[in-house]
C-alpha atoms as a PDB file:
ATOM      1  CA  MET A   1     -26.197 -37.278 -62.677  1.00  0.00           C
ATOM      2  CA  THR A   2     -23.446 -36.113 -60.549  1.00  0.00           C
ATOM      3  CA  ALA A   3     -23.942 -32.578 -59.208  1.00  0.00           C
ATOM      4  CA  LEU A   4     -21.093 -30.458 -60.071  1.00  0.00           C
ATOM      5  CA  ARG A   5     -19.365 -29.021 -56.997  1.00  0.00           C
ATOM      6  CA  GLU A   6     -18.706 -25.303 -57.069  1.00  0.00           C
ATOM      7  CA  ALA A   7     -15.090 -24.360 -56.666  1.00  0.00           C
ATOM      8  CA  PRO A   8     -14.592 -22.614 -53.312  1.00  0.00           C
ATOM      9  CA  THR A   9     -14.055 -18.864 -53.774  1.00  0.00           C
ATOM     10  CA  ARG A  10     -10.869 -17.568 -52.561  1.00  0.00           C
ATOM     11  CA  MET A  11     -11.094 -14.482 -50.441  1.00  0.00           C
ATOM     12  CA  PRO A  12      -8.956 -11.567 -51.506  1.00  0.00           C
ATOM     13  CA  PRO A  13      -6.100 -10.837 -49.085  1.00  0.00           C
ATOM     14  CA  ASP A  14      -6.890  -8.324 -46.377  1.00  0.00           C
ATOM     15  CA  PRO A  15      -4.744  -5.163 -47.092  1.00  0.00           C
ATOM     16  CA  VAL A  16      -5.056  -3.813 -43.503  1.00  0.00           C
ATOM     17  CA  ARG A  17      -3.926  -7.224 -42.110  1.00  0.00           C
ATOM     18  CA  GLY A  18      -0.944  -7.188 -44.539  1.00  0.00           C
ATOM     19  CA  VAL A  19       0.019  -3.648 -43.458  1.00  0.00           C
ATOM     20  CA  ARG A  20      -0.231  -4.438 -39.799  1.00  0.00           C
ATOM     21  CA  ARG A  21       1.966  -7.564 -40.180  1.00  0.00           C
ATOM     22  CA  HIS A  22       4.594  -5.468 -42.097  1.00  0.00           C
ATOM     23  CA  LEU A  23       4.732  -2.685 -39.391  1.00  0.00           C
ATOM     24  CA  ARG A  24       4.899  -5.472 -36.656  1.00  0.00           C
ATOM     25  CA  ARG A  25       7.822  -7.098 -38.470  1.00  0.00           C
ATOM     26  CA  ARG A  26       9.534  -3.732 -39.009  1.00  0.00           C
ATOM     27  CA  THR A  27       9.022  -2.850 -35.343  1.00  0.00           C
ATOM     28  CA  VAL A  28      10.526  -6.063 -34.169  1.00  0.00           C
ATOM     29  CA  LEU A  29      13.502  -5.684 -36.549  1.00  0.00           C
ATOM     30  CA  THR A  30      14.087  -2.120 -35.302  1.00  0.00           C
ATOM     31  CA  CYS A  31      14.034  -3.206 -31.837  1.00  0.00           C
ATOM     32  CA  ALA A  32      16.430  -6.023 -32.554  1.00  0.00           C
ATOM     33  CA  GLY A  33      18.841  -3.696 -34.252  1.00  0.00           C
ATOM     34  CA  LEU A  34      18.651  -1.184 -31.372  1.00  0.00           C
ATOM     35  CA  LEU A  35      19.296  -3.926 -28.922  1.00  0.00           C
ATOM     36  CA  VAL A  36      22.531  -4.839 -30.938  1.00  0.00           C
ATOM     37  CA  VAL A  37      23.643  -1.073 -30.830  1.00  0.00           C
ATOM     38  CA  LEU A  38      23.039  -0.966 -27.063  1.00  0.00           C
ATOM     39  CA  ALA A  39      25.001  -4.156 -26.627  1.00  0.00           C
ATOM     40  CA  VAL A  40      27.890  -2.825 -28.574  1.00  0.00           C
ATOM     41  CA  ALA A  41      27.740   0.421 -26.720  1.00  0.00           C
ATOM     42  CA  PHE A  42      27.676  -1.485 -23.455  1.00  0.00           C
ATOM     43  CA  VAL A  43      30.776  -3.451 -24.119  1.00  0.00           C
ATOM     44  CA  ALA A  44      32.517  -0.534 -25.465  1.00  0.00           C
ATOM     45  CA  ALA A  45      31.754   1.504 -22.364  1.00  0.00           C
ATOM     46  CA  LEU A  46      33.186  -1.295 -20.169  1.00  0.00           C
ATOM     47  CA  VAL A  47      36.416  -1.784 -22.354  1.00  0.00           C
ATOM     48  CA  VAL A  48      37.460   1.628 -23.327  1.00  0.00           C
ATOM     49  CA  GLY A  49      38.875   4.184 -20.839  1.00  0.00           C
ATOM     50  CA  ASP A  50      42.073   5.574 -19.253  1.00  0.00           C
ATOM     51  CA  TYR A  51      42.835   1.940 -18.094  1.00  0.00           C
ATOM     52  CA  PRO A  52      41.846  -0.286 -21.110  1.00  0.00           C
ATOM     53  CA  LEU A  53      40.413  -3.638 -20.431  1.00  0.00           C
ATOM     54  CA  ALA A  54      40.344  -6.548 -22.817  1.00  0.00           C
ATOM     55  CA  VAL A  55      36.765  -8.057 -23.529  1.00  0.00           C
ATOM     56  CA  GLY A  56      38.073 -11.353 -21.653  1.00  0.00           C
ATOM     57  CA  ASP A  57      38.927  -9.313 -18.588  1.00  0.00           C
ATOM     58  CA  VAL A  58      35.475  -7.642 -18.527  1.00  0.00           C
ATOM     59  CA  LEU A  59      33.726 -11.021 -18.945  1.00  0.00           C
ATOM     60  CA  ALA A  60      35.957 -12.509 -16.083  1.00  0.00           C
ATOM     61  CA  SER A  61      34.888  -9.733 -13.794  1.00  0.00           C
ATOM     62  CA  LEU A  62      31.255 -10.118 -14.712  1.00  0.00           C
ATOM     63  CA  THR A  63      31.268 -13.749 -13.962  1.00  0.00           C
ATOM     64  CA  GLY A  64      33.242 -13.370 -10.598  1.00  0.00           C
ATOM     65  CA  ARG A  65      36.719 -14.404 -12.047  1.00  0.00           C
ATOM     66  CA  GLY A  66      38.319 -11.119 -12.369  1.00  0.00           C
ATOM     67  CA  THR A  67      41.362  -9.573 -10.657  1.00  0.00           C
ATOM     68  CA  ARG A  68      40.865  -6.825  -7.807  1.00  0.00           C
ATOM     69  CA  ALA A  69      41.887  -4.175 -10.180  1.00  0.00           C
ATOM     70  CA  SER A  70      39.566  -5.135 -13.072  1.00  0.00           C
ATOM     71  CA  ASP A  71      36.616  -5.691 -10.597  1.00  0.00           C
ATOM     72  CA  PHE A  72      37.222  -2.216  -9.171  1.00  0.00           C
ATOM     73  CA  ILE A  73      37.229  -0.700 -12.659  1.00  0.00           C
ATOM     74  CA  VAL A  74      34.122  -2.669 -13.809  1.00  0.00           C
ATOM     75  CA  TYR A  75      31.952  -2.611 -10.746  1.00  0.00           C
ATOM     76  CA  ASP A  76      32.755   0.727  -9.254  1.00  0.00           C
ATOM     77  CA  LEU A  77      33.718   2.881 -12.046  1.00  0.00           C
ATOM     78  CA  ARG A  78      32.205   1.789 -15.450  1.00  0.00           C
ATOM     79  CA  LEU A  79      29.182  -0.447 -14.845  1.00  0.00           C
ATOM     80  CA  PRO A  80      27.156   1.908 -12.736  1.00  0.00           C
ATOM     81  CA  ARG A  81      27.604   4.681 -15.273  1.00  0.00           C
ATOM     82  CA  VAL A  82      26.655   2.602 -18.310  1.00  0.00           C
ATOM     83  CA  LEU A  83      23.711   1.006 -16.696  1.00  0.00           C
ATOM     84  CA  SER A  84      22.544   4.385 -15.413  1.00  0.00           C
ATOM     85  CA  GLY A  85      22.781   5.787 -18.993  1.00  0.00           C
ATOM     86  CA  LEU A  86      20.585   2.849 -20.209  1.00  0.00           C
ATOM     87  CA  LEU A  87      17.960   3.244 -17.750  1.00  0.00           C
ATOM     88  CA  VAL A  88      18.005   7.067 -17.838  1.00  0.00           C
ATOM     89  CA  GLY A  89      17.685   7.148 -21.659  1.00  0.00           C
ATOM     90  CA  PHE A  90      14.988   4.425 -21.667  1.00  0.00           C
ATOM     91  CA  ALA A  91      12.907   6.328 -19.171  1.00  0.00           C
ATOM     92  CA  LEU A  92      13.251   9.711 -20.904  1.00  0.00           C
ATOM     93  CA  GLY A  93      12.566   8.119 -24.353  1.00  0.00           C
ATOM     94  CA  MET A  94       9.592   6.412 -23.043  1.00  0.00           C
ATOM     95  CA  ALA A  95       8.275   9.499 -21.103  1.00  0.00           C
ATOM     96  CA  GLY A  96       8.629  11.698 -24.259  1.00  0.00           C
ATOM     97  CA  ALA A  97       6.711   9.318 -26.473  1.00  0.00           C
ATOM     98  CA  VAL A  98       3.822   9.191 -24.098  1.00  0.00           C
ATOM     99  CA  PHE A  99       3.485  12.971 -23.729  1.00  0.00           C
ATOM    100  CA  GLN A 100       3.953  13.496 -27.593  1.00  0.00           C
ATOM    101  CA  THR A 101       1.256  10.886 -28.497  1.00  0.00           C
ATOM    102  CA  MET A 102      -1.228  11.653 -25.791  1.00  0.00           C
ATOM    103  CA  LEU A 103      -1.275  15.525 -26.366  1.00  0.00           C
ATOM    104  CA  ARG A 104      -0.687  15.003 -30.261  1.00  0.00           C
ATOM    105  CA  ASN A 105       2.088  17.642 -30.155  1.00  0.00           C
ATOM    106  CA  PRO A 106       5.628  16.965 -30.983  1.00  0.00           C
ATOM    107  CA  LEU A 107       6.752  19.744 -28.567  1.00  0.00           C
ATOM    108  CA  ALA A 108       5.044  17.999 -25.679  1.00  0.00           C
ATOM    109  CA  SER A 109       7.939  16.377 -24.021  1.00  0.00           C
ATOM    110  CA  PRO A 110       9.117  16.632 -20.468  1.00  0.00           C
ATOM    111  CA  ASP A 111      12.181  18.694 -21.367  1.00  0.00           C
ATOM    112  CA  ILE A 112      10.363  21.275 -23.283  1.00  0.00           C
ATOM    113  CA  ILE A 113       7.259  21.778 -20.957  1.00  0.00           C
ATOM    114  CA  GLY A 114       9.273  22.488 -17.825  1.00  0.00           C
ATOM    115  CA  ILE A 115       8.942  19.111 -15.997  1.00  0.00           C
ATOM    116  CA  THR A 116      12.791  18.570 -15.946  1.00  0.00           C
ATOM    117  CA  ALA A 117      13.275  22.330 -15.095  1.00  0.00           C
ATOM    118  CA  GLY A 118      11.133  21.677 -12.083  1.00  0.00           C
ATOM    119  CA  ALA A 119      13.391  18.767 -11.007  1.00  0.00           C
ATOM    120  CA  SER A 120      16.544  21.061 -11.604  1.00  0.00           C
ATOM    121  CA  ALA A 121      15.065  23.962  -9.576  1.00  0.00           C
ATOM    122  CA  ALA A 122      14.136  21.813  -6.591  1.00  0.00           C
ATOM    123  CA  ALA A 123      17.499  20.161  -6.750  1.00  0.00           C
ATOM    124  CA  VAL A 124      19.379  23.440  -6.943  1.00  0.00           C
ATOM    125  CA  THR A 125      17.314  24.844  -4.116  1.00  0.00           C
ATOM    126  CA  ALA A 126      18.075  21.602  -1.934  1.00  0.00           C
ATOM    127  CA  LEU A 127      21.683  22.146  -2.653  1.00  0.00           C
ATOM    128  CA  LEU A 128      22.278  25.863  -2.300  1.00  0.00           C
ATOM    129  CA  LEU A 129      19.553  26.915   0.239  1.00  0.00           C
ATOM    130  CA  LEU A 130      19.001  23.878   2.346  1.00  0.00           C
ATOM    131  CA  GLY A 131      22.557  22.480   2.341  1.00  0.00           C
ATOM    132  CA  LEU A 132      21.398  18.987   1.431  1.00  0.00           C
ATOM    133  CA  SER A 133      23.384  16.385  -0.595  1.00  0.00           C
ATOM    134  CA  GLY A 134      23.301  12.887  -1.992  1.00  0.00           C
ATOM    135  CA  VAL A 135      20.062  11.018  -1.899  1.00  0.00           C
ATOM    136  CA  ALA A 136      18.075  14.072  -0.395  1.00  0.00           C
ATOM    137  CA  VAL A 137      18.918  16.150  -3.482  1.00  0.00           C
ATOM    138  CA  ALA A 138      17.875  13.382  -5.825  1.00  0.00           C
ATOM    139  CA  ALA A 139      14.679  12.900  -3.749  1.00  0.00           C
ATOM    140  CA  SER A 140      13.961  16.743  -4.024  1.00  0.00           C
ATOM    141  CA  ALA A 141      14.486  16.573  -7.871  1.00  0.00           C
ATOM    142  CA  PHE A 142      11.897  13.844  -8.093  1.00  0.00           C
ATOM    143  CA  GLY A 143       9.470  15.613  -5.915  1.00  0.00           C
ATOM    144  CA  GLY A 144      10.092  18.897  -7.792  1.00  0.00           C
ATOM    145  CA  ALA A 145       9.212  17.249 -11.131  1.00  0.00           C
ATOM    146  CA  LEU A 146       5.998  15.820  -9.784  1.00  0.00           C
ATOM    147  CA  VAL A 147       4.957  19.052  -8.193  1.00  0.00           C
ATOM    148  CA  THR A 148       5.773  20.976 -11.598  1.00  0.00           C
ATOM    149  CA  ALA A 149       3.792  18.593 -13.561  1.00  0.00           C
ATOM    150  CA  MET A 150       0.857  18.860 -11.190  1.00  0.00           C
ATOM    151  CA  ALA A 151       0.913  22.756 -11.397  1.00  0.00           C
ATOM    152  CA  ILE A 152       1.174  22.636 -15.249  1.00  0.00           C
ATOM    153  CA  TYR A 153      -1.832  20.198 -15.489  1.00  0.00           C
ATOM    154  CA  LEU A 154      -3.952  22.461 -13.075  1.00  0.00           C
ATOM    155  CA  LEU A 155      -3.021  25.735 -14.948  1.00  0.00           C
ATOM    156  CA  ALA A 156      -3.828  24.242 -18.197  1.00  0.00           C
ATOM    157  CA  TRP A 157      -7.067  22.666 -17.182  1.00  0.00           C
ATOM    158  CA  ARG A 158     -10.207  24.261 -18.813  1.00  0.00           C
ATOM    159  CA  GLN A 159     -12.959  21.895 -18.992  1.00  0.00           C
ATOM    160  CA  GLY A 160     -10.110  19.346 -20.030  1.00  0.00           C
ATOM    161  CA  VAL A 161      -6.578  19.586 -21.161  1.00  0.00           C
ATOM    162  CA  ALA A 162      -5.732  20.703 -24.699  1.00  0.00           C
ATOM    163  CA  GLY A 163      -2.148  19.772 -26.019  1.00  0.00           C
ATOM    164  CA  THR A 164      -1.266  23.142 -27.269  1.00  0.00           C
ATOM    165  CA  ARG A 165      -2.398  24.950 -24.046  1.00  0.00           C
ATOM    166  CA  LEU A 166      -0.553  22.421 -21.897  1.00  0.00           C
ATOM    167  CA  VAL A 167       2.678  23.076 -23.954  1.00  0.00           C
ATOM    168  CA  LEU A 168       2.442  26.843 -23.702  1.00  0.00           C
ATOM    169  CA  VAL A 169       1.672  26.715 -19.891  1.00  0.00           C
ATOM    170  CA  GLY A 170       4.753  24.372 -19.422  1.00  0.00           C
ATOM    171  CA  ILE A 171       7.034  26.628 -21.558  1.00  0.00           C
ATOM    172  CA  GLY A 172       6.010  29.472 -19.343  1.00  0.00           C
ATOM    173  CA  VAL A 173       6.463  27.424 -16.052  1.00  0.00           C
ATOM    174  CA  GLY A 174       9.804  26.271 -17.234  1.00  0.00           C
ATOM    175  CA  ALA A 175      10.937  29.649 -18.091  1.00  0.00           C
ATOM    176  CA  VAL A 176      10.102  30.911 -14.487  1.00  0.00           C
ATOM    177  CA  LEU A 177      11.800  27.967 -12.823  1.00  0.00           C
ATOM    178  CA  LEU A 178      14.865  28.565 -15.024  1.00  0.00           C
ATOM    179  CA  SER A 179      14.939  32.068 -13.808  1.00  0.00           C
ATOM    180  CA  VAL A 180      14.864  30.734 -10.155  1.00  0.00           C
ATOM    181  CA  ILE A 181      17.780  28.510 -10.845  1.00  0.00           C
ATOM    182  CA  ASP A 182      19.754  31.568 -12.425  1.00  0.00           C
ATOM    183  CA  PHE A 183      19.031  33.693  -9.311  1.00  0.00           C
ATOM    184  CA  LEU A 184      20.144  30.891  -6.947  1.00  0.00           C
ATOM    185  CA  MET A 185      23.358  30.281  -8.982  1.00  0.00           C
ATOM    186  CA  THR A 186      24.231  34.045  -8.904  1.00  0.00           C
ATOM    187  CA  ARG A 187      24.091  34.128  -5.199  1.00  0.00           C
ATOM    188  CA  ALA A 188      25.951  30.963  -4.535  1.00  0.00           C
ATOM    189  CA  GLN A 189      29.567  30.475  -3.736  1.00  0.00           C
ATOM    190  CA  VAL A 190      31.876  29.230  -6.506  1.00  0.00           C
ATOM    191  CA  ASN A 191      32.361  25.689  -4.981  1.00  0.00           C
ATOM    192  CA  ASP A 192      28.608  25.215  -4.376  1.00  0.00           C
ATOM    193  CA  ALA A 193      27.749  26.517  -7.913  1.00  0.00           C
ATOM    194  CA  GLN A 194      30.167  23.962  -9.347  1.00  0.00           C
ATOM    195  CA  VAL A 195      28.340  21.119  -7.573  1.00  0.00           C
ATOM    196  CA  ALA A 196      25.040  22.509  -8.666  1.00  0.00           C
ATOM    197  CA  LEU A 197      26.103  22.728 -12.374  1.00  0.00           C
ATOM    198  CA  VAL A 198      25.217  19.053 -13.002  1.00  0.00           C
ATOM    199  CA  TRP A 199      21.421  20.150 -12.476  1.00  0.00           C
ATOM    200  CA  LEU A 200      21.858  22.597 -15.404  1.00  0.00           C
ATOM    201  CA  THR A 201      23.364  20.404 -18.092  1.00  0.00           C
ATOM    202  CA  GLY A 202      22.741  16.752 -17.144  1.00  0.00           C
ATOM    203  CA  SER A 203      25.738  14.356 -16.553  1.00  0.00           C
ATOM    204  CA  LEU A 204      26.425  10.800 -15.459  1.00  0.00           C
ATOM    205  CA  ASN A 205      29.631  11.600 -13.734  1.00  0.00           C
ATOM    206  CA  GLY A 206      28.006  11.008 -10.437  1.00  0.00           C
ATOM    207  CA  ALA A 207      26.464   7.763 -11.227  1.00  0.00           C
ATOM    208  CA  ASP A 208      27.309   5.094  -8.725  1.00  0.00           C
ATOM    209  CA  ALA A 209      25.827   1.792  -7.325  1.00  0.00           C
ATOM    210  CA  GLY A 210      23.837   3.779  -4.635  1.00  0.00           C
ATOM    211  CA  ALA A 211      21.903   5.836  -7.241  1.00  0.00           C
ATOM    212  CA  LEU A 212      21.626   3.027  -9.554  1.00  0.00           C
ATOM    213  CA  ARG A 213      19.623   0.769  -7.369  1.00  0.00           C
ATOM    214  CA  PRO A 214      16.445   3.046  -6.792  1.00  0.00           C
ATOM    215  CA  LEU A 215      16.712   4.028 -10.458  1.00  0.00           C
ATOM    216  CA  ALA A 216      16.465   0.361 -11.516  1.00  0.00           C
ATOM    217  CA  VAL A 217      13.664  -0.454  -9.072  1.00  0.00           C
ATOM    218  CA  LEU A 218      11.538   2.580 -10.133  1.00  0.00           C
ATOM    219  CA  VAL A 219      12.130   2.001 -13.808  1.00  0.00           C
ATOM    220  CA  VAL A 220      11.183  -1.843 -13.483  1.00  0.00           C
ATOM    221  CA  VAL A 221       8.097  -0.822 -11.674  1.00  0.00           C
ATOM    222  CA  VAL A 222       6.815   2.154 -13.720  1.00  0.00           C
ATOM    223  CA  VAL A 223       7.546   0.831 -17.245  1.00  0.00           C
ATOM    224  CA  PRO A 224       5.142  -1.909 -17.039  1.00  0.00           C
ATOM    225  CA  LEU A 225       2.508   0.345 -15.704  1.00  0.00           C
ATOM    226  CA  THR A 226       3.135   2.724 -18.415  1.00  0.00           C
ATOM    227  CA  LEU A 227       2.790   0.097 -21.136  1.00  0.00           C
ATOM    228  CA  TRP A 228      -0.437  -0.988 -19.521  1.00  0.00           C
ATOM    229  CA  ALA A 229      -1.894   2.530 -19.460  1.00  0.00           C
ATOM    230  CA  GLY A 230      -0.460   3.174 -22.962  1.00  0.00           C
ATOM    231  CA  ARG A 231      -3.110   0.793 -24.455  1.00  0.00           C
ATOM    232  CA  THR A 232      -5.397   3.763 -24.622  1.00  0.00           C
ATOM    233  CA  LEU A 233      -3.013   5.929 -26.620  1.00  0.00           C
ATOM    234  CA  SER A 234      -4.283   4.846 -29.903  1.00  0.00           C
ATOM    235  CA  GLY A 235      -7.733   5.985 -28.956  1.00  0.00           C
ATOM    236  CA  LEU A 236      -6.563   9.265 -27.571  1.00  0.00           C
ATOM    237  CA  GLN A 237      -4.692   9.979 -30.833  1.00  0.00           C
ATOM    238  CA  LEU A 238      -7.975  10.223 -32.588  1.00  0.00           C
ATOM    239  CA  GLY A 239      -9.094  13.051 -30.459  1.00  0.00           C
ATOM    240  CA  ASP A 240     -11.166  13.348 -27.341  1.00  0.00           C
ATOM    241  CA  ASP A 241     -14.613  13.021 -28.947  1.00  0.00           C
ATOM    242  CA  THR A 242     -13.593   9.943 -31.019  1.00  0.00           C
ATOM    243  CA  ALA A 243     -11.964   8.460 -28.058  1.00  0.00           C
ATOM    244  CA  ARG A 244     -15.005   8.770 -25.862  1.00  0.00           C
ATOM    245  CA  ALA A 245     -17.107   7.299 -28.579  1.00  0.00           C
ATOM    246  CA  LEU A 246     -14.877   4.380 -28.505  1.00  0.00           C
ATOM    247  CA  GLY A 247     -15.257   3.924 -24.759  1.00  0.00           C
ATOM    248  CA  VAL A 248     -11.956   5.389 -23.661  1.00  0.00           C
ATOM    249  CA  GLY A 249     -12.200   7.368 -20.390  1.00  0.00           C
ATOM    250  CA  VAL A 250     -10.299  10.450 -21.672  1.00  0.00           C
ATOM    251  CA  GLU A 251      -9.302  12.396 -18.546  1.00  0.00           C
ATOM    252  CA  ARG A 252      -8.739   9.180 -16.444  1.00  0.00           C
ATOM    253  CA  SER A 253      -6.575   7.776 -19.148  1.00  0.00           C
ATOM    254  CA  ARG A 254      -4.639  11.103 -19.669  1.00  0.00           C
ATOM    255  CA  LEU A 255      -4.147  11.546 -15.976  1.00  0.00           C
ATOM    256  CA  LEU A 256      -2.796   7.983 -15.485  1.00  0.00           C
ATOM    257  CA  LEU A 257      -0.397   8.329 -18.536  1.00  0.00           C
ATOM    258  CA  MET A 258       0.849  11.671 -17.356  1.00  0.00           C
ATOM    259  CA  LEU A 259       1.539  10.373 -13.887  1.00  0.00           C
ATOM    260  CA  PHE A 260       3.558   7.424 -15.239  1.00  0.00           C
ATOM    261  CA  ALA A 261       5.338   9.519 -17.828  1.00  0.00           C
ATOM    262  CA  VAL A 262       6.170  12.256 -15.197  1.00  0.00           C
ATOM    263  CA  ALA A 263       7.501   9.477 -12.851  1.00  0.00           C
ATOM    264  CA  LEU A 264       9.845   8.127 -15.458  1.00  0.00           C
ATOM    265  CA  ALA A 265      11.120  11.564 -16.361  1.00  0.00           C
ATOM    266  CA  ALA A 266      11.567  12.445 -12.631  1.00  0.00           C
ATOM    267  CA  VAL A 267      13.302   9.409 -11.708  1.00  0.00           C
ATOM    268  CA  ALA A 268      15.778   9.873 -14.776  1.00  0.00           C
ATOM    269  CA  THR A 269      16.346  13.473 -13.848  1.00  0.00           C
ATOM    270  CA  SER A 270      16.940  12.744 -10.250  1.00  0.00           C
ATOM    271  CA  VAL A 271      19.926  10.573 -11.238  1.00  0.00           C
ATOM    272  CA  ALA A 272      21.486  12.328 -14.159  1.00  0.00           C
ATOM    273  CA  GLY A 273      19.998  15.877 -14.061  1.00  0.00           C
ATOM    274  CA  PRO A 274      18.107  17.340 -17.049  1.00  0.00           C
ATOM    275  CA  VAL A 275      19.755  15.394 -19.944  1.00  0.00           C
ATOM    276  CA  GLY A 276      18.199  17.704 -22.597  1.00  0.00           C
ATOM    277  CA  PHE A 277      16.276  16.765 -25.686  1.00  0.00           C
ATOM    278  CA  VAL A 278      16.407  12.986 -25.159  1.00  0.00           C
ATOM    279  CA  ALA A 279      12.748  12.731 -24.515  1.00  0.00           C
ATOM    280  CA  PHE A 280      12.070  15.196 -27.377  1.00  0.00           C
ATOM    281  CA  VAL A 281      13.827  13.396 -30.127  1.00  0.00           C
ATOM    282  CA  SER A 282      13.361   9.663 -29.162  1.00  0.00           C
ATOM    283  CA  GLY A 283       9.687   9.409 -30.187  1.00  0.00           C
ATOM    284  CA  PRO A 284      10.270  10.836 -33.729  1.00  0.00           C
ATOM    285  CA  ILE A 285      13.288   8.840 -34.477  1.00  0.00           C
ATOM    286  CA  SER A 286      11.466   5.724 -33.365  1.00  0.00           C
ATOM    287  CA  ARG A 287       8.477   6.356 -35.558  1.00  0.00           C
ATOM    288  CA  ARG A 288      10.798   7.086 -38.478  1.00  0.00           C
ATOM    289  CA  LEU A 289      12.706   3.814 -37.914  1.00  0.00           C
ATOM    290  CA  THR A 290       9.461   1.737 -37.475  1.00  0.00           C
ATOM    291  CA  GLY A 291       7.292   3.455 -39.858  1.00  0.00           C
ATOM    292  CA  ALA A 292       4.366   3.332 -37.464  1.00  0.00           C
ATOM    293  CA  ALA A 293       2.257   6.375 -36.514  1.00  0.00           C
ATOM    294  CA  GLY A 294       1.446   5.151 -33.121  1.00  0.00           C
ATOM    295  CA  ALA A 295       3.230   5.604 -29.845  1.00  0.00           C
ATOM    296  CA  GLY A 296       5.800   2.970 -30.108  1.00  0.00           C
ATOM    297  CA  LEU A 297       6.854   3.296 -26.402  1.00  0.00           C
ATOM    298  CA  VAL A 298       9.400   0.415 -26.317  1.00  0.00           C
ATOM    299  CA  PRO A 299      11.175   1.527 -29.578  1.00  0.00           C
ATOM    300  CA  ALA A 300      11.209   4.937 -28.263  1.00  0.00           C
ATOM    301  CA  GLY A 301      12.637   3.901 -24.963  1.00  0.00           C
ATOM    302  CA  LEU A 302      15.366   1.961 -26.706  1.00  0.00           C
ATOM    303  CA  VAL A 303      16.167   5.057 -28.917  1.00  0.00           C
ATOM    304  CA  GLY A 304      16.615   7.104 -25.752  1.00  0.00           C
ATOM    305  CA  ALA A 305      18.811   4.627 -24.234  1.00  0.00           C
ATOM    306  CA  ALA A 306      21.023   4.568 -27.396  1.00  0.00           C
ATOM    307  CA  VAL A 307      21.116   8.158 -27.529  1.00  0.00           C
ATOM    308  CA  VAL A 308      22.093   8.735 -23.907  1.00  0.00           C
ATOM    309  CA  THR A 309      24.855   5.752 -23.963  1.00  0.00           C
ATOM    310  CA  LEU A 310      26.422   6.848 -27.344  1.00  0.00           C
ATOM    311  CA  ALA A 311      26.447  10.542 -26.437  1.00  0.00           C
ATOM    312  CA  ASP A 312      28.114   9.716 -23.059  1.00  0.00           C
ATOM    313  CA  PHE A 313      30.624   7.543 -24.590  1.00  0.00           C
ATOM    314  CA  ALA A 314      31.388  10.243 -27.335  1.00  0.00           C
ATOM    315  CA  GLY A 315      31.623  12.874 -24.622  1.00  0.00           C
ATOM    316  CA  GLN A 316      34.065  10.814 -22.566  1.00  0.00           C
ATOM    317  CA  HIS A 317      36.268   9.120 -25.203  1.00  0.00           C
ATOM    318  CA  LEU A 318      35.902  10.515 -28.695  1.00  0.00           C
ATOM    319  CA  LEU A 319      36.405  14.411 -28.132  1.00  0.00           C
ATOM    320  CA  PRO A 320      39.485  16.378 -27.349  1.00  0.00           C
ATOM    321  CA  ILE A 321      38.035  17.419 -24.052  1.00  0.00           C
ATOM    322  CA  GLN A 322      35.465  15.410 -21.854  1.00  0.00           C
ATOM    323  CA  LEU A 323      31.914  17.001 -21.908  1.00  0.00           C
ATOM    324  CA  PRO A 324      28.745  16.038 -19.929  1.00  0.00           C
ATOM    325  CA  VAL A 325      26.220  13.887 -21.747  1.00  0.00           C
ATOM    326  CA  GLY A 326      23.556  16.733 -21.735  1.00  0.00           C
ATOM    327  CA  VAL A 327      25.951  19.037 -23.739  1.00  0.00           C
ATOM    328  CA  LEU A 328      25.982  16.531 -26.517  1.00  0.00           C
ATOM    329  CA  THR A 329      22.393  15.570 -26.473  1.00  0.00           C
ATOM    330  CA  ALA A 330      21.524  19.315 -26.575  1.00  0.00           C
ATOM    331  CA  ALA A 331      23.730  19.617 -29.607  1.00  0.00           C
ATOM    332  CA  VAL A 332      21.780  16.997 -31.431  1.00  0.00           C
ATOM    333  CA  GLY A 333      18.332  17.978 -30.131  1.00  0.00           C
ATOM    334  CA  ALA A 334      18.569  21.840 -30.448  1.00  0.00           C
ATOM    335  CA  PRO A 335      18.917  21.728 -34.337  1.00  0.00           C
ATOM    336  CA  TYR A 336      15.942  19.290 -34.608  1.00  0.00           C
ATOM    337  CA  LEU A 337      13.743  21.614 -32.437  1.00  0.00           C
ATOM    338  CA  ILE A 338      14.699  24.552 -34.825  1.00  0.00           C
ATOM    339  CA  TYR A 339      13.693  22.279 -37.867  1.00  0.00           C
ATOM    340  CA  LEU A 340      10.511  21.312 -36.349  1.00  0.00           C
ATOM    341  CA  LEU A 341       9.567  24.914 -35.704  1.00  0.00           C
ATOM    342  CA  LEU A 342      10.438  26.040 -39.120  1.00  0.00           C
ATOM    343  CA  ARG A 343       8.477  23.330 -40.687  1.00  0.00           C
ATOM    344  CA  THR A 344       5.404  24.048 -38.449  1.00  0.00           C
ATOM    345  CA  ASN A 345       5.755  27.654 -39.549  1.00  0.00           C
ATOM    346  CA  ALA A 346       5.890  26.525 -43.255  1.00  0.00           C
ATOM    347  CA  ALA A 347       2.869  24.336 -42.910  1.00  0.00           C
ATOM    348  CA  SER A 348       0.967  27.312 -41.169  1.00  0.00           C
ATOM    349  CA  ALA A 349       1.902  29.607 -43.976  1.00  0.00           C
ATOM    350  CA  ARG A 350       0.650  27.308 -46.622  1.00  0.00           C
ATOM    351  CA  LYS A 351      -2.675  26.745 -44.822  1.00  0.00           C
ATOM    352  CA  GLY A 352      -3.039  30.609 -44.547  1.00  0.00           C
END
């Protein structure tokens, strides 16, 4: 008698794996769409201007076959500006996503908690008091951001660092630094104050090949380190106790992440000044696009690059007057900050 073979039982599909696959696919598509937007903005920034160039002329210059005039326009005027905008935006977007995810607070971004204010204060001090210029001012801004971040971290330390406490300490430190900037500006000569104005609003007007090289090198070095350290963000999102139970070294991971995020914000600010609200809005926008609740560092960086590049293009070519990129990003970010505060107050009222 032939034994009857039992039909193999089919396991039901794993819903968790399906959700992960969907989110991964959506993240890839979002990044691809953002890259297309960046490519279009890149070409538009090279083509449009007081002296318009055809796409063929730009390609000829980029491949070494351009005329002397087109090479000057592309390599000396437009290419350093657009590449600086891309790198500055990417660095700020990734830095903001790290801070917001690590501290589990949407207000915890470098431009809100005083880190970019520290860079601005150091740069204005170097300009107006020490009479420095060029690379020395950028180096001062970089150092000012690092020192400010260290001071905020130490002042917020109470057997560890809580997100809300660090945000409040950072806002207070930023207010003090802004008052220092105001004091220095009131005592400066008109011409010196005009030069220092970039460190109050954020602008790509001074972008050139000399500033682009160190920016590119630092971004290329720090971004992979941030992605490596960012592997612990998923554990830190669950809270300190849960993260420790999962084997995450909470304070060590938080210190590394803060160091790399501050370095990204510092190098971006040292080149373009405090381009406001880019770090603040990039993370929430990227999470809305990808549908993921995690850090999403690469999508946040791409969103930041798109925000800075498009805002700079609009400020240069689409408005009746030319405006610095920081003015337009603030016009976008400030209403979002007000909305976030109103939503937080409404949520607190419902809980009360």
